[in-house]
Amino acid sequence: MARSALDTAKRLLNQRRFTLAIKVLDGSEKNYGDNLDFYVTYATACLYVGDYGAARSYFQRARNLSMTDVRLLLGQAVLFLRLGETDRALQYYLDVLDQDPNNSTAKRAMEFIRRRGDYTTICNWVDSGKIKRFFPPLGVNTSLIARSALLCAALCAAVLLTARLIPSGKKSWVGPRVNLTDLALSSEEKSNAVQPDLSGTVVRYFMDSRTIARTFESAMQHVEDHRDNAAQMEINRILLSNASFSIKQKANRLMTYLEVPTFDSLTDNYDYKTVQGEPQLYLDCYAAWGGRVMNAEMRDNGSWYCELLVGYEGLHTVEGIVPVIFPQEPVPAVDGEKPIRILGKIDLQDDRVVLRGIAIYQPLKGNKL
């Protein structure tokens, strides 16, 4: 049985093929009348391609049909948020929580507004594409899962075959980490990699088309090589550059493949001095820094806070003082008299480098990490 235009568009939306989803829905409005799902799907696709005027219009039509749909409320909330109208955005997020008390998108957005909701930061997040973290979620990309499953099956078959052909003790071939074919830049994107209209955009790195394309390809290669920190740095460079909108979109999608490291798996551990010199370039990278802690405390919201004296393990030199926040229980067991190593995600708070804590290592005996 043939799929309807709406079903096809929802499937394309799930696969992150937003432009194609819009093309499928375009001209179908007369066939759906007062169909809430149609307007919400259309508005969401417009939102993800950056057509905010159309998104606002279709969300409003959906609102004429329902005022309680969570996807609708999230979409309208983020439209107000990107304009800096935080009071109205908060009201919509509260409406979301009335319908879905555990909605993680609304909770994250409200926390963002509480901590960093000034107009300048919001503008920076809009320009960099990070505001998409608060867009209505699209769910798991089913086509990606299917491709990954096929790839996994093929790799398993190859490994089994190779195990029979290669003598024991020899290193076997390791396949690619993920299939990034859909993210490869087209020839048109490479030729027109520079955004022609930069009005209203904050640009930190100006690059020509060739450099932008090379930077993006470098980020993709780092993902394949499990060098997620290096990939994140190159992604940040693109998001803070004069790269075209479509390339920034792909950079944001590439970011979804990055994983949270452990102390053992962390690669490209940038030191404090390097990060402090250009903090926006290392935003969302992970760092494992050693030192000693002071001013540790539990906060009213349940988070655990301390300040890390970076480089002060041997009680000689303090490279810098970095606030560290572990967002939830369990509370880390820390001995302030011993050196410590903290793994965390690099963030900025009031233009100051902070770590969002992931893990702690502290020796049981002695003063050596």
Protein backbone atom coordinates (compact mmCIF):
# COMPACT_ATOMS: atom_id res chain seq x y z
CA MET A 1 0.00 0.00 0.00
CA ALA A 2 1.38 3.44 -0.98
CA ARG A 3 2.40 5.79 1.79
CA SER A 4 0.50 9.04 2.24
CA ALA A 5 2.37 12.31 1.81
CA LEU A 6 2.24 12.87 5.57
CA ASP A 7 3.57 9.41 6.40
CA THR A 8 6.35 9.84 3.86
CA ALA A 9 7.26 13.25 5.23
CA LYS A 10 7.32 11.96 8.82
CA ARG A 11 9.62 9.16 7.71
CA LEU A 12 11.91 11.66 5.95
CA LEU A 13 11.84 13.88 9.03
CA ASN A 14 12.96 10.93 11.12
CA GLN A 15 15.81 10.39 8.66
CA ARG A 16 16.81 14.10 8.97
CA ARG A 17 15.99 14.73 5.29
CA PHE A 18 14.20 17.96 6.05
CA THR A 19 14.22 19.65 2.64
CA LEU A 20 12.78 16.57 0.98
CA ALA A 21 10.11 16.30 3.68
CA ILE A 22 9.05 19.89 2.93
CA LYS A 23 8.88 19.14 -0.79
CA VAL A 24 6.63 16.15 -0.11
CA LEU A 25 4.27 18.21 2.06
CA ASP A 26 4.29 21.28 -0.18
CA GLY A 27 0.93 21.62 -1.91
CA SER A 28 -0.70 18.88 0.18
CA GLU A 29 -2.40 21.20 2.67
CA LYS A 30 -5.76 20.98 0.91
CA ASN A 31 -5.73 17.20 1.33
CA TYR A 32 -5.34 17.34 5.10
CA GLY A 33 -7.69 20.12 6.17
CA ASP A 34 -7.55 20.52 9.94
CA ASN A 35 -4.96 17.80 10.53
CA LEU A 36 -2.80 18.74 13.55
CA ASP A 37 -0.10 16.20 12.67
CA PHE A 38 0.30 17.72 9.19
CA TYR A 39 0.92 21.24 10.46
CA VAL A 40 3.24 20.16 13.28
CA THR A 41 5.29 17.97 10.91
CA TYR A 42 5.50 20.74 8.30
CA ALA A 43 6.46 23.35 10.92
CA THR A 44 9.10 21.09 12.46
CA ALA A 45 10.74 20.44 9.07
CA CYS A 46 10.80 24.21 8.39
CA LEU A 47 12.30 24.79 11.83
CA TYR A 48 15.19 22.40 11.18
CA VAL A 49 16.07 23.96 7.81
CA GLY A 50 16.06 27.43 9.35
CA ASP A 51 12.88 28.76 7.71
CA TYR A 52 11.63 30.26 10.95
CA GLY A 53 8.92 32.38 9.36
CA ALA A 54 7.24 29.35 7.80
CA ALA A 55 7.75 27.36 10.99
CA ARG A 56 6.04 30.07 13.03
CA SER A 57 3.12 30.20 10.59
CA TYR A 58 2.51 26.44 10.55
CA PHE A 59 2.91 26.11 14.32
CA GLN A 60 0.31 28.85 14.73
CA ARG A 61 -2.11 26.96 12.46
CA ALA A 62 -1.50 23.87 14.58
CA ARG A 63 -2.18 25.90 17.71
CA ASN A 64 -5.60 26.83 16.33
CA LEU A 65 -6.36 23.10 16.46
CA SER A 66 -4.72 22.21 19.77
CA MET A 67 -2.96 24.04 22.58
CA THR A 68 -1.62 20.97 24.38
CA ASP A 69 0.45 19.11 21.77
CA VAL A 70 3.97 18.77 23.22
CA ARG A 71 5.74 18.99 19.83
CA LEU A 72 3.85 22.19 19.06
CA LEU A 73 4.65 23.73 22.45
CA LEU A 74 8.36 22.87 22.13
CA GLY A 75 8.48 24.36 18.63
CA GLN A 76 6.80 27.62 19.64
CA ALA A 77 8.91 27.85 22.79
CA VAL A 78 12.20 27.64 20.90
CA LEU A 79 11.00 30.25 18.39
CA PHE A 80 10.49 32.67 21.28
CA LEU A 81 13.79 31.61 22.83
CA ARG A 82 15.81 32.35 19.69
CA LEU A 83 14.36 35.87 19.69
CA GLY A 84 15.41 36.40 23.30
CA GLU A 85 11.81 36.42 24.55
CA THR A 86 12.67 34.19 27.49
CA ASP A 87 9.57 34.98 29.56
CA ARG A 88 7.26 33.71 26.83
CA ALA A 89 9.53 30.74 26.14
CA LEU A 90 9.46 29.77 29.83
CA GLN A 91 5.66 29.86 29.86
CA TYR A 92 5.53 27.46 26.93
CA TYR A 93 8.07 25.16 28.56
CA LEU A 94 5.95 25.14 31.70
CA ASP A 95 2.98 24.18 29.52
CA VAL A 96 5.08 21.31 28.15
CA LEU A 97 5.82 20.08 31.67
CA ASP A 98 2.12 20.24 32.48
CA GLN A 99 1.56 17.72 29.68
CA ASP A 100 4.80 15.76 30.12
CA PRO A 101 6.43 16.32 33.54
CA ASN A 102 9.58 14.41 32.55
CA ASN A 103 10.18 16.13 29.22
CA SER A 104 13.97 16.42 29.00
CA THR A 105 14.02 19.03 26.21
CA ALA A 106 11.92 21.47 28.24
CA LYS A 107 14.01 20.87 31.35
CA ARG A 108 17.29 21.47 29.49
CA ALA A 109 15.94 24.63 27.88
CA MET A 110 14.71 26.01 31.20
CA GLU A 111 18.08 25.28 32.80
CA PHE A 112 19.80 27.06 29.90
CA ILE A 113 17.56 30.10 30.36
CA ARG A 114 18.23 30.09 34.09
CA ARG A 115 22.02 29.85 33.76
CA ARG A 116 22.86 31.52 30.47
CA GLY A 117 19.70 33.12 29.12
CA ASP A 118 21.13 36.54 28.33
CA TYR A 119 20.50 37.90 24.84
CA THR A 120 24.15 37.78 23.73
CA THR A 121 24.51 34.10 24.62
CA ILE A 122 21.22 33.26 22.93
CA CYS A 123 22.39 35.02 19.76
CA ASN A 124 25.65 33.07 19.85
CA TRP A 125 23.76 29.80 20.20
CA VAL A 126 21.49 30.73 17.30
CA ASP A 127 24.48 31.63 15.11
CA SER A 128 26.38 28.47 16.00
CA GLY A 129 23.36 26.19 15.60
CA LYS A 130 23.44 25.01 19.20
CA ILE A 131 19.90 26.29 19.66
CA LYS A 132 18.83 23.12 17.82
CA ARG A 133 19.35 21.23 21.06
CA PHE A 134 16.00 22.66 22.11
CA PHE A 135 14.12 21.89 18.88
CA PRO A 136 11.34 19.27 19.09
CA PRO A 137 13.22 15.94 19.20
CA LEU A 138 13.02 13.72 16.12
CA GLY A 139 13.57 10.38 17.77
CA VAL A 140 16.03 7.71 16.71
CA ASN A 141 17.07 7.79 13.06
CA THR A 142 15.68 4.44 11.94
CA SER A 143 17.49 4.48 8.61
CA LEU A 144 20.79 5.01 10.41
CA ILE A 145 20.04 2.04 12.67
CA ALA A 146 19.20 -0.09 9.65
CA ARG A 147 22.39 0.91 7.85
CA SER A 148 24.41 0.33 11.00
CA ALA A 149 22.86 -3.10 11.44
CA LEU A 150 23.69 -4.03 7.84
CA LEU A 151 27.21 -2.67 8.25
CA CYS A 152 27.62 -4.58 11.51
CA ALA A 153 26.43 -7.80 9.87
CA ALA A 154 28.84 -7.29 6.99
CA LEU A 155 31.72 -6.56 9.35
CA CYS A 156 30.95 -9.61 11.46
CA ALA A 157 30.96 -11.75 8.35
CA ALA A 158 34.24 -10.21 7.25
CA VAL A 159 35.79 -10.76 10.68
CA LEU A 160 34.71 -14.40 10.73
CA LEU A 161 36.10 -14.93 7.24
CA THR A 162 39.34 -13.13 8.10
CA ALA A 163 39.74 -15.18 11.28
CA ARG A 164 39.85 -18.30 9.13
CA LEU A 165 42.36 -16.87 6.68
CA ILE A 166 44.78 -15.11 9.04
CA PRO A 167 46.98 -17.19 11.34
CA SER A 168 46.35 -16.87 15.06
CA GLY A 169 48.21 -14.03 16.75
CA LYS A 170 48.08 -11.61 13.84
CA LYS A 171 46.09 -8.39 14.08
CA SER A 172 42.84 -8.45 12.08
CA TRP A 173 41.36 -5.54 10.12
CA VAL A 174 39.05 -3.16 11.97
CA GLY A 175 36.14 -1.65 10.04
CA PRO A 176 34.89 1.96 10.01
CA ARG A 177 33.33 3.38 13.13
CA VAL A 178 30.16 4.75 11.53
CA ASN A 179 28.74 5.29 8.07
CA LEU A 180 29.08 9.01 7.35
CA THR A 181 28.23 8.82 3.66
CA ASP A 182 25.16 11.04 4.05
CA LEU A 183 27.29 13.79 5.60
CA ALA A 184 29.91 13.97 2.85
CA LEU A 185 29.97 17.40 1.20
CA SER A 186 28.59 17.58 -2.32
CA SER A 187 30.62 19.21 -5.07
CA GLU A 188 28.26 22.18 -4.93
CA GLU A 189 28.74 22.55 -1.17
CA LYS A 190 32.51 22.45 -1.61
CA SER A 191 32.43 25.07 -4.36
CA ASN A 192 30.06 27.36 -2.43
CA ALA A 193 31.21 26.69 1.11
CA VAL A 194 31.20 30.34 2.13
CA GLN A 195 27.94 31.89 3.38
CA PRO A 196 27.32 34.92 1.11
CA ASP A 197 25.19 36.89 3.60
CA LEU A 198 26.76 37.21 7.04
CA SER A 199 24.42 39.89 8.39
CA GLY A 200 23.50 39.16 11.98
CA THR A 201 26.13 36.41 12.20
CA VAL A 202 29.08 36.45 14.60
CA VAL A 203 32.13 35.10 12.75
CA ARG A 204 35.32 34.26 14.57
CA TYR A 205 37.08 32.33 11.80
CA PHE A 206 37.05 33.57 8.21
CA MET A 207 38.01 30.84 5.75
CA ASP A 208 37.81 30.31 2.00
CA SER A 209 35.73 27.49 0.47
CA ARG A 210 38.67 25.14 0.17
CA THR A 211 39.68 25.58 3.82
CA ILE A 212 36.10 25.12 5.04
CA ALA A 213 35.72 21.89 3.05
CA ARG A 214 39.08 20.62 4.28
CA THR A 215 38.16 21.44 7.89
CA PHE A 216 34.86 19.56 7.61
CA GLU A 217 36.53 16.53 6.02
CA SER A 218 39.13 16.59 8.79
CA ALA A 219 36.35 16.51 11.39
CA MET A 220 34.77 13.50 9.66
CA GLN A 221 38.08 11.67 9.59
CA HIS A 222 38.63 12.35 13.29
CA VAL A 223 35.23 10.79 14.04
CA GLU A 224 36.22 7.69 12.06
CA ASP A 225 39.50 7.55 13.99
CA HIS A 226 37.75 7.80 17.40
CA ARG A 227 39.37 11.20 18.00
CA ASP A 228 36.19 12.88 19.19
CA ASN A 229 37.88 15.85 20.86
CA ALA A 230 39.74 16.71 17.67
CA ALA A 231 36.49 16.31 15.73
CA GLN A 232 34.62 18.59 18.16
CA MET A 233 37.30 21.27 17.81
CA GLU A 234 37.02 21.24 14.01
CA ILE A 235 33.21 21.29 14.26
CA ASN A 236 33.43 24.34 16.52
CA ARG A 237 35.73 26.02 14.04
CA ILE A 238 33.12 25.53 11.32
CA LEU A 239 30.21 26.67 13.48
CA LEU A 240 32.10 29.84 14.41
CA SER A 241 33.14 30.53 10.82
CA ASN A 242 31.70 31.99 7.64
CA ALA A 243 30.76 28.49 6.42
CA SER A 244 27.48 28.07 4.56
CA PHE A 245 24.30 27.14 6.41
CA SER A 246 24.16 23.65 4.88
CA ILE A 247 27.71 22.85 6.01
CA LYS A 248 26.97 24.10 9.52
CA GLN A 249 23.89 21.87 9.50
CA LYS A 250 26.04 18.87 8.65
CA ALA A 251 28.58 19.85 11.30
CA ASN A 252 25.81 19.82 13.90
CA ARG A 253 24.67 16.40 12.70
CA LEU A 254 28.25 15.12 12.83
CA MET A 255 28.37 16.19 16.48
CA THR A 256 25.63 13.65 17.31
CA TYR A 257 28.08 10.81 16.62
CA LEU A 258 30.52 11.92 19.32
CA GLU A 259 30.64 9.90 22.54
CA VAL A 260 31.32 10.63 26.19
CA PRO A 261 34.84 9.36 26.95
CA THR A 262 36.37 7.72 30.00
CA PHE A 263 39.80 8.44 31.43
CA ASP A 264 41.14 5.52 29.37
CA SER A 265 39.40 6.35 26.09
CA LEU A 266 39.98 10.14 26.08
CA THR A 267 42.13 11.27 23.15
CA ASP A 268 43.54 14.71 22.32
CA ASN A 269 43.41 15.88 25.93
CA TYR A 270 43.96 19.61 25.48
CA ASP A 271 45.73 21.24 28.41
CA TYR A 272 44.33 24.12 30.40
CA LYS A 273 46.61 26.76 28.90
CA THR A 274 45.60 25.79 25.37
CA VAL A 275 41.89 25.88 26.17
CA GLN A 276 42.12 29.14 28.10
CA GLY A 277 43.78 30.80 25.11
CA GLU A 278 40.79 30.16 22.82
CA PRO A 279 37.96 28.69 24.91
CA GLN A 280 35.17 28.89 22.32
CA LEU A 281 37.16 26.64 20.00
CA TYR A 282 37.21 23.89 22.66
CA LEU A 283 33.61 24.23 23.85
CA ASP A 284 32.02 20.78 24.40
CA CYS A 285 35.39 19.02 24.19
CA TYR A 286 36.35 16.82 27.15
CA ALA A 287 39.37 17.35 29.37
CA ALA A 288 41.09 15.40 32.13
CA TRP A 289 42.97 17.90 34.27
CA GLY A 290 44.90 17.27 37.45
CA GLY A 291 45.35 19.42 40.52
CA ARG A 292 43.74 19.93 43.91
CA VAL A 293 40.28 21.08 44.91
CA MET A 294 39.05 23.85 47.17
CA ASN A 295 35.71 25.42 48.11
CA ALA A 296 33.80 22.16 47.63
CA GLU A 297 30.10 22.39 48.42
CA MET A 298 26.67 20.90 47.76
CA ARG A 299 24.29 23.34 46.10
CA ASP A 300 20.57 23.73 46.62
CA ASN A 301 19.77 22.19 43.24
CA GLY A 302 21.58 18.96 44.18
CA SER A 303 24.75 19.64 42.20
CA TRP A 304 28.24 19.35 43.70
CA TYR A 305 30.61 22.25 43.10
CA CYS A 306 34.31 22.77 43.65
CA GLU A 307 37.21 24.75 42.22
CA LEU A 308 40.10 22.84 40.68
CA LEU A 309 43.58 24.31 41.11
CA VAL A 310 44.94 23.03 37.81
CA GLY A 311 48.55 21.85 37.89
CA TYR A 312 48.82 22.10 41.68
CA GLU A 313 49.27 18.36 42.31
CA GLY A 314 52.78 18.91 43.66
CA LEU A 315 51.85 22.10 45.54
CA HIS A 316 54.15 24.19 43.35
CA THR A 317 52.37 25.94 40.47
CA VAL A 318 48.74 26.81 39.85
CA GLU A 319 48.08 27.07 36.11
CA GLY A 320 44.54 28.27 36.67
CA ILE A 321 41.42 27.91 38.80
CA VAL A 322 38.54 26.10 37.09
CA PRO A 323 35.01 25.77 38.51
CA VAL A 324 33.79 22.17 38.37
CA ILE A 325 30.13 21.18 38.56
CA PHE A 326 28.83 17.64 38.95
CA PRO A 327 25.16 18.09 38.07
CA GLN A 328 23.60 15.34 40.16
CA GLU A 329 24.13 12.69 42.80
CA PRO A 330 25.99 10.61 43.78
CA VAL A 331 28.27 13.15 45.43
CA PRO A 332 31.93 12.51 44.57
CA ALA A 333 34.03 11.23 47.48
CA VAL A 334 36.96 13.66 47.48
CA ASP A 335 39.88 14.10 49.86
CA GLY A 336 40.96 17.74 49.69
CA GLU A 337 44.42 16.85 50.99
CA LYS A 338 45.29 14.68 48.01
CA PRO A 339 45.86 15.43 44.32
CA ILE A 340 42.94 14.73 42.02
CA ARG A 341 42.23 14.26 38.35
CA ILE A 342 38.84 15.33 37.00
CA LEU A 343 37.29 14.33 33.69
CA GLY A 344 34.71 16.82 32.48
CA LYS A 345 33.11 18.56 29.53
CA ILE A 346 34.42 22.02 28.74
CA ASP A 347 31.81 24.74 29.03
CA LEU A 348 31.72 28.51 29.40
CA GLN A 349 29.95 30.35 32.20
CA ASP A 350 30.10 34.13 32.09
CA ASP A 351 33.01 33.77 29.62
CA ARG A 352 34.91 31.64 32.14
CA VAL A 353 36.05 28.08 31.44
CA VAL A 354 34.24 25.52 33.60
CA LEU A 355 34.12 21.72 33.64
CA ARG A 356 30.88 19.78 33.71
CA GLY A 357 32.09 16.85 35.77
CA ILE A 358 31.96 13.29 34.43
CA ALA A 359 34.36 11.32 36.63
CA ILE A 360 37.06 11.69 39.29
CA TYR A 361 40.26 9.80 39.93
CA GLN A 362 42.13 10.15 43.21
CA PRO A 363 44.89 7.83 44.47
CA LEU A 364 44.13 5.83 47.59
CA LYS A 365 47.68 6.27 48.84
CA GLY A 366 50.45 8.74 48.22
CA ASN A 367 50.39 11.99 46.31
CA LYS A 368 50.97 10.85 42.75
CA LEU A 369 48.20 10.62 40.16
